Amino acid sequence: MRKIRLLVVDDSAVVRRAARTLIARDQEIELIAAVSDPLFAMEAMNKEWPDVLLLDIEMPRMDGLTFLRKIMGERPTPVVICSSLTEQGTQMAVEAMAAGAVSIITKPRLSLNSFLEEESVQFIATIKAAAQVEGRRLRPTALVGNRVKAAVAPASALAETTERVIALGTSTGGTQALEAVLVPLPRSVCGIVVVQHMPEKFTAMFAERLNSLCQVQVKEASHGDRVITGQVLIAPGGRHMQLRRSGARYYVEVSDGPVVNRHKPSVDVLFRSVAQTAGRNALGVIMTGMGDDGARGLLAMHEAGAQTVAEDASTCVVFGMPQEAIKRGAVDRILPLPAIGDALVRFSHAQ
């Protein structure tokens, strides 16, 4: 089997050196080059095109976001963003996900070498997951920050509680998929809780970006937030989120804890809590992503009487998570991405 060809583009010599060391240990990945900026990357790509790019954001001569957009316009290729947790870097990384990047690896400003060594398993897994993405499936979202947010719904509409709730789970390719689903939704849609696999610090910026595009309100969830009509709560990176109920009101519990299925937040953790808390009053949707996180939780929702949907392979960037849920018999309907938003609206308005 041909090895995965990886190109590393990062102005940090420490990152480039650590990447060489980690890749040398793996039999399935070949590092074709490790260069300091996009201009050197273009020279390398003219000689041999990579299967995956590991791309820094903040670099001299040309920033990573500009380079990413150039690649996606010319020859779409799976790109993993390697970003430091700076305010500018985080914002640009979220924009990069909207422009077609498939995943994010975070790096601290200090102790880079030891950090990459400690996270070596996840580093390698992320590169291998990206390699499974077909270039033709990489589709930058049509709305990239230029749409003005619609007028906020009246306070009475947003304060209205509902016994119905929608839970969405997604991973690789999910930032674009969530934008496609959430942007058209009306403010009358019932409360939505979301787990998108994303590192700590990035979910807040991602939620802010969606909030600027959507008619519904979108925010990173905080412990104790109510689940209300016209609002979407996104689980914070590095924390699990569970649905709870007090009387007729739903709210979320955000907490620390061990990783589940290699993830925190985990889709399974959310879905299982929705099965226990909302039962037949819930709709569960599992979308594009690598691995099987969410499959068991969606089955628990299905067995509790909830309606369940999986994204169709034809629109998934990676079909892994939906496919695993389908294999387990957890799915009532399989829908392409454009039909999922309509299903959410019909569920919200059904009597």
Protein backbone atom coordinates (compact mmCIF):
# COMPACT_ATOMS: atom_id res chain seq x y z
CA MET A 1 0.00 0.00 0.00
CA ARG A 2 1.34 3.43 -0.95
CA LYS A 3 2.36 5.62 1.97
CA ILE A 4 0.54 8.86 2.81
CA ARG A 5 2.65 11.72 1.47
CA LEU A 6 2.80 14.56 4.01
CA LEU A 7 4.08 18.10 3.52
CA VAL A 8 4.72 20.19 6.65
CA VAL A 9 4.60 23.98 6.28
CA ASP A 10 5.57 25.71 9.53
CA ASP A 11 8.04 28.49 10.31
CA SER A 12 8.94 26.78 13.60
CA ALA A 13 12.09 24.68 13.26
CA VAL A 14 11.02 22.83 16.42
CA VAL A 15 7.72 21.76 14.83
CA ARG A 16 9.44 20.68 11.62
CA ARG A 17 12.03 18.67 13.53
CA ALA A 18 9.40 17.05 15.79
CA ALA A 19 7.24 16.19 12.77
CA ARG A 20 10.21 14.46 11.11
CA THR A 21 10.83 12.41 14.25
CA LEU A 22 7.20 11.36 14.69
CA ILE A 23 6.66 10.50 11.01
CA ALA A 24 9.86 8.43 10.90
CA ARG A 25 8.30 6.06 13.47
CA ASP A 26 5.19 5.37 11.39
CA GLN A 27 5.19 2.92 8.50
CA GLU A 28 2.17 4.43 6.74
CA ILE A 29 3.27 8.07 6.37
CA GLU A 30 6.11 9.54 4.32
CA LEU A 31 7.32 13.09 4.95
CA ILE A 32 8.10 14.46 1.51
CA ALA A 33 9.23 17.88 2.83
CA ALA A 34 9.15 20.16 5.85
CA VAL A 35 9.45 23.81 4.86
CA SER A 36 9.23 27.16 6.62
CA ASP A 37 6.65 29.02 4.53
CA PRO A 38 4.13 28.68 1.66
CA LEU A 39 6.54 29.94 -1.01
CA PHE A 40 8.95 27.09 -0.25
CA ALA A 41 5.91 24.78 -0.11
CA MET A 42 4.92 25.73 -3.66
CA GLU A 43 8.38 24.74 -4.88
CA ALA A 44 8.08 21.36 -3.14
CA MET A 45 4.56 20.80 -4.49
CA ASN A 46 5.70 21.45 -8.04
CA LYS A 47 7.98 18.42 -7.66
CA GLU A 48 5.59 16.13 -5.77
CA TRP A 49 2.01 16.83 -4.71
CA PRO A 50 1.23 15.73 -1.13
CA ASP A 51 -1.76 13.74 0.04
CA VAL A 52 -2.01 15.88 3.19
CA LEU A 53 -0.64 19.28 4.22
CA LEU A 54 0.12 20.19 7.83
CA LEU A 55 -0.12 23.97 7.65
CA ASP A 56 0.77 26.70 10.14
CA ILE A 57 -1.34 29.86 10.15
CA GLU A 58 0.96 32.70 11.21
CA MET A 59 4.02 32.70 8.93
CA PRO A 60 6.23 35.26 7.16
CA ARG A 61 5.95 36.08 3.45
CA MET A 62 2.48 34.47 3.13
CA ASP A 63 0.04 33.48 5.87
CA GLY A 64 -1.44 30.02 5.98
CA LEU A 65 -5.01 31.15 5.33
CA THR A 66 -4.07 32.85 2.06
CA PHE A 67 -2.11 29.76 1.00
CA LEU A 68 -5.00 27.46 1.92
CA ARG A 69 -7.44 29.45 -0.22
CA LYS A 70 -5.00 29.30 -3.11
CA ILE A 71 -4.74 25.49 -2.80
CA MET A 72 -8.50 25.02 -2.55
CA GLY A 73 -9.01 27.16 -5.63
CA GLU A 74 -6.44 25.29 -7.72
CA ARG A 75 -6.31 21.69 -6.47
CA PRO A 76 -8.32 20.88 -3.32
CA THR A 77 -6.16 18.85 -0.93
CA PRO A 78 -6.76 17.74 2.69
CA VAL A 79 -5.20 20.33 4.99
CA VAL A 80 -4.66 20.03 8.75
CA ILE A 81 -4.14 23.37 10.45
CA CYS A 82 -1.37 23.57 13.06
CA SER A 83 -2.11 26.68 15.11
CA SER A 84 -0.92 28.26 18.33
CA LEU A 85 -3.53 29.39 20.86
CA THR A 86 -3.22 33.09 20.13
CA GLU A 87 -6.30 35.22 19.53
CA GLN A 88 -5.26 35.94 15.93
CA GLY A 89 -4.18 32.36 15.29
CA THR A 90 -7.43 30.95 16.68
CA GLN A 91 -9.60 33.28 14.59
CA MET A 92 -7.66 32.51 11.42
CA ALA A 93 -7.80 28.78 12.12
CA VAL A 94 -11.60 28.91 12.35
CA GLU A 95 -11.67 30.83 9.06
CA ALA A 96 -9.39 28.15 7.60
CA MET A 97 -11.91 25.45 8.59
CA ALA A 98 -14.60 27.40 6.77
CA ALA A 99 -12.28 27.63 3.76
CA GLY A 100 -11.94 23.85 3.57
CA ALA A 101 -9.36 22.68 6.13
CA VAL A 102 -10.38 19.36 7.67
CA SER A 103 -8.93 19.50 11.18
CA ILE A 104 -6.90 21.49 13.71
CA ILE A 105 -3.87 20.53 15.75
CA THR A 106 -3.04 23.05 18.47
CA LYS A 107 0.44 23.90 19.61
CA PRO A 108 1.50 25.82 22.72
CA ARG A 109 3.89 28.74 22.49
CA LEU A 110 6.29 27.00 24.88
CA SER A 111 7.56 23.40 25.21
CA LEU A 112 6.59 22.59 21.63
CA ASN A 113 8.82 19.56 21.30
CA SER A 114 7.54 17.81 24.44
CA PHE A 115 3.93 18.72 23.55
CA LEU A 116 4.12 17.08 20.13
CA GLU A 117 5.81 14.03 21.64
CA GLU A 118 3.04 13.67 24.25
CA GLU A 119 0.34 14.09 21.60
CA SER A 120 2.04 11.84 19.04
CA VAL A 121 -0.82 9.31 18.84
CA GLN A 122 -3.41 12.00 18.13
CA PHE A 123 -1.01 13.74 15.73
CA ILE A 124 -0.58 10.59 13.62
CA ALA A 125 -4.30 9.73 13.81
CA THR A 126 -5.24 13.21 12.57
CA ILE A 127 -2.92 12.95 9.57
CA LYS A 128 -4.29 9.51 8.67
CA ALA A 129 -7.89 10.70 9.01
CA ALA A 130 -7.18 13.65 6.72
CA ALA A 131 -5.68 11.30 4.12
CA GLN A 132 -9.03 9.54 3.78
CA VAL A 133 -10.74 12.74 2.64
CA GLU A 134 -11.23 12.98 -1.11
CA GLY A 135 -10.25 16.34 -2.60
CA ARG A 136 -13.57 16.64 -4.41
CA ARG A 137 -15.38 16.51 -1.06
CA LEU A 138 -13.56 19.59 0.21
CA ARG A 139 -16.01 22.40 -0.27
CA PRO A 140 -15.48 25.82 1.27
CA THR A 141 -18.78 27.10 2.61
CA ALA A 142 -20.53 29.59 0.38
CA LEU A 143 -20.82 32.10 3.20
CA VAL A 144 -17.42 33.23 4.45
CA GLY A 145 -18.00 36.00 6.91
CA ASN A 146 -19.78 38.49 4.63
CA ARG A 147 -23.37 37.92 5.63
CA VAL A 148 -25.00 40.28 8.10
CA LYS A 149 -26.76 38.56 10.97
CA ALA A 150 -30.55 38.71 10.74
CA ALA A 151 -32.45 40.68 13.33
CA VAL A 152 -32.58 38.98 16.69
CA ALA A 153 -35.85 37.21 17.43
CA PRO A 154 -38.17 38.84 19.94
CA ALA A 155 -37.28 38.04 23.53
CA SER A 156 -40.55 36.16 23.97
CA ALA A 157 -39.67 33.76 21.14
CA LEU A 158 -36.19 33.05 22.44
CA ALA A 159 -37.40 32.61 25.99
CA GLU A 160 -40.02 30.07 25.01
CA THR A 161 -39.23 26.60 26.31
CA THR A 162 -39.99 23.41 24.43
CA GLU A 163 -40.06 19.76 25.32
CA ARG A 164 -38.43 18.94 22.01
CA VAL A 165 -34.67 19.09 21.51
CA ILE A 166 -32.25 18.39 18.66
CA ALA A 167 -28.77 16.93 19.18
CA LEU A 168 -26.11 17.10 16.46
CA GLY A 169 -22.75 15.31 16.45
CA THR A 170 -19.95 15.74 13.92
CA SER A 171 -16.18 15.71 13.45
CA THR A 172 -13.92 15.90 10.38
CA GLY A 173 -15.59 18.17 7.83
CA GLY A 174 -18.19 19.13 10.40
CA THR A 175 -17.51 22.84 10.59
CA GLN A 176 -18.59 23.28 6.97
CA ALA A 177 -21.48 20.84 7.39
CA LEU A 178 -22.79 22.62 10.48
CA GLU A 179 -22.68 25.95 8.71
CA ALA A 180 -24.65 24.52 5.77
CA VAL A 181 -27.30 23.12 8.14
CA LEU A 182 -27.58 25.95 10.68
CA VAL A 183 -27.44 29.10 8.53
CA PRO A 184 -30.85 28.61 6.82
CA LEU A 185 -32.70 27.61 10.01
CA PRO A 186 -35.55 29.88 11.15
CA ARG A 187 -35.62 31.31 14.67
CA SER A 188 -38.64 29.09 15.41
CA VAL A 189 -36.53 25.89 15.37
CA CYS A 190 -36.40 24.12 18.73
CA GLY A 191 -33.31 24.19 20.93
CA ILE A 192 -30.21 22.52 19.49
CA VAL A 193 -27.19 21.06 21.28
CA VAL A 194 -24.03 20.30 19.30
CA VAL A 195 -20.78 18.44 19.73
CA GLN A 196 -18.19 19.27 17.09
CA HIS A 197 -14.79 17.71 17.70
CA MET A 198 -12.57 20.76 18.06
CA PRO A 199 -9.70 21.72 20.37
CA GLU A 200 -10.10 23.90 23.43
CA LYS A 201 -10.29 27.66 22.71
CA PHE A 202 -11.47 27.16 19.12
CA THR A 203 -15.14 26.41 19.79
CA ALA A 204 -15.85 29.89 21.17
CA MET A 205 -14.52 31.53 18.01
CA PHE A 206 -16.37 28.99 15.86
CA ALA A 207 -19.64 29.73 17.68
CA GLU A 208 -19.12 33.48 17.26
CA ARG A 209 -18.59 33.03 13.54
CA LEU A 210 -21.76 30.96 13.17
CA ASN A 211 -23.68 33.46 15.27
CA SER A 212 -22.74 36.20 12.79
CA LEU A 213 -24.19 34.14 9.92
CA CYS A 214 -27.28 32.45 11.38
CA GLN A 215 -30.79 33.62 12.17
CA VAL A 216 -30.71 31.44 15.28
CA GLN A 217 -28.45 32.46 18.13
CA VAL A 218 -25.28 30.37 18.43
CA LYS A 219 -23.01 30.32 21.46
CA GLU A 220 -20.40 28.18 23.15
CA ALA A 221 -22.22 26.41 25.97
CA SER A 222 -21.63 27.27 29.61
CA HIS A 223 -22.60 25.09 32.54
CA GLY A 224 -26.29 25.60 33.35
CA ASP A 225 -27.28 27.22 30.02
CA ARG A 226 -30.93 26.62 29.17
CA VAL A 227 -31.83 24.94 25.89
CA ILE A 228 -34.40 27.25 24.30
CA THR A 229 -36.14 27.84 21.00
CA GLY A 230 -34.02 29.67 18.47
CA GLN A 231 -30.68 28.92 20.11
CA VAL A 232 -27.79 26.54 19.39
CA LEU A 233 -25.36 25.52 22.15
CA ILE A 234 -21.95 24.18 21.06
CA ALA A 235 -19.98 22.06 23.52
CA PRO A 236 -16.72 23.79 24.49
CA GLY A 237 -13.50 22.13 23.38
CA GLY A 238 -11.92 20.13 26.18
CA ARG A 239 -15.23 19.68 28.07
CA HIS A 240 -18.05 17.16 27.86
CA MET A 241 -21.62 18.42 27.51
CA GLN A 242 -24.75 16.58 28.68
CA LEU A 243 -28.44 17.39 28.47
CA ARG A 244 -30.35 17.65 31.75
CA ARG A 245 -33.93 18.54 32.62
CA SER A 246 -35.54 20.45 35.45
CA GLY A 247 -39.31 20.23 35.23
CA ALA A 248 -40.26 21.26 31.69
CA ARG A 249 -36.94 22.96 31.03
CA TYR A 250 -33.85 21.52 29.42
CA TYR A 251 -30.41 22.78 30.32
CA VAL A 252 -26.83 21.62 29.72
CA GLU A 253 -24.23 20.36 32.14
CA VAL A 254 -20.66 21.16 31.06
CA SER A 255 -17.96 19.26 32.92
CA ASP A 256 -14.45 17.85 32.79
CA GLY A 257 -13.74 14.14 32.70
CA PRO A 258 -11.77 11.49 30.84
CA VAL A 259 -11.76 11.39 27.06
CA VAL A 260 -14.38 9.11 25.49
CA ASN A 261 -13.64 7.49 22.13
CA ARG A 262 -10.46 9.62 22.11
CA HIS A 263 -12.53 12.81 22.26
CA LYS A 264 -13.54 15.51 24.71
CA PRO A 265 -16.20 16.65 24.05
CA SER A 266 -17.62 13.32 22.94
CA VAL A 267 -20.73 12.88 20.81
CA ASP A 268 -21.53 9.64 22.65
CA VAL A 269 -21.60 11.46 26.00
CA LEU A 270 -24.07 14.03 24.66
CA PHE A 271 -26.29 11.53 22.81
CA ARG A 272 -26.56 9.17 25.78
CA SER A 273 -27.64 12.04 28.01
CA VAL A 274 -30.24 13.09 25.44
CA ALA A 275 -31.57 9.51 25.33
CA GLN A 276 -31.97 9.51 29.12
CA THR A 277 -33.32 13.05 29.43
CA ALA A 278 -35.50 13.63 26.36
CA GLY A 279 -36.26 10.15 24.99
CA ARG A 280 -38.91 10.26 22.26
CA ASN A 281 -38.96 14.08 22.36
CA ALA A 282 -35.53 14.27 20.75
CA LEU A 283 -34.03 14.16 17.27
CA GLY A 284 -30.43 12.93 16.93
CA VAL A 285 -28.31 13.66 13.87
CA ILE A 286 -24.84 12.27 13.19
CA MET A 287 -22.84 13.84 10.39
CA THR A 288 -19.45 13.68 8.72
CA GLY A 289 -16.53 12.47 10.82
CA MET A 290 -13.77 9.92 11.30
CA GLY A 291 -14.18 7.04 13.74
CA ASP A 292 -17.24 5.82 15.63
CA ASP A 293 -17.91 8.47 18.28
CA GLY A 294 -21.67 8.97 18.52
CA ALA A 295 -22.72 5.62 17.03
CA ARG A 296 -23.50 3.98 20.39
CA GLY A 297 -25.09 7.12 21.74
CA LEU A 298 -27.34 7.43 18.69
CA LEU A 299 -28.38 3.81 19.18
CA ALA A 300 -29.31 4.66 22.77
CA MET A 301 -31.43 7.55 21.47
CA HIS A 302 -33.06 5.27 18.90
CA GLU A 303 -33.87 2.68 21.56
CA ALA A 304 -35.33 5.44 23.77
CA GLY A 305 -37.79 6.36 21.00
CA ALA A 306 -35.98 9.37 19.54
CA GLN A 307 -35.94 10.06 15.81
CA THR A 308 -32.48 9.54 14.32
CA VAL A 309 -30.76 10.72 11.13
CA ALA A 310 -27.37 10.04 9.56
CA GLU A 311 -25.76 12.10 6.83
CA ASP A 312 -25.56 10.27 3.50
CA ALA A 313 -22.16 9.17 2.18
CA SER A 314 -22.67 11.31 -0.94
CA THR A 315 -22.18 14.53 1.03
CA CYS A 316 -19.89 13.42 3.90
CA VAL A 317 -16.29 14.57 3.87
CA VAL A 318 -15.62 11.38 5.88
CA PHE A 319 -18.39 8.77 6.15
CA GLY A 320 -16.95 7.04 9.24
CA MET A 321 -19.25 8.20 12.06
CA PRO A 322 -22.53 7.97 10.10
CA GLN A 323 -21.52 4.59 8.67
CA GLU A 324 -20.83 3.16 12.13
CA ALA A 325 -24.22 4.37 13.39
CA ILE A 326 -25.95 2.81 10.38
CA LYS A 327 -24.12 -0.50 10.94
CA ARG A 328 -25.42 -0.61 14.53
CA GLY A 329 -29.03 -0.14 13.44
CA ALA A 330 -29.21 3.27 15.13
CA VAL A 331 -30.52 5.26 12.15
CA ASP A 332 -34.10 5.83 11.00
CA ARG A 333 -33.27 7.97 7.97
CA ILE A 334 -30.18 8.62 5.84
CA LEU A 335 -30.24 12.11 4.32
CA PRO A 336 -27.84 14.19 2.21
CA LEU A 337 -26.63 17.38 3.85
CA PRO A 338 -29.07 19.76 2.06
CA ALA A 339 -32.05 17.78 3.42
CA ILE A 340 -30.94 17.73 7.06
CA GLY A 341 -31.94 21.33 7.79
CA ASP A 342 -35.45 20.66 6.48
CA ALA A 343 -35.69 17.61 8.75
CA LEU A 344 -34.79 19.77 11.76
CA VAL A 345 -37.50 22.29 10.89
CA ARG A 346 -40.16 19.62 10.34
CA PHE A 347 -39.28 18.00 13.68
CA SER A 348 -39.49 21.36 15.45
CA HIS A 349 -42.89 22.23 14.02
CA ALA A 350 -44.53 18.80 14.23
CA GLN A 351 -47.49 18.51 16.56
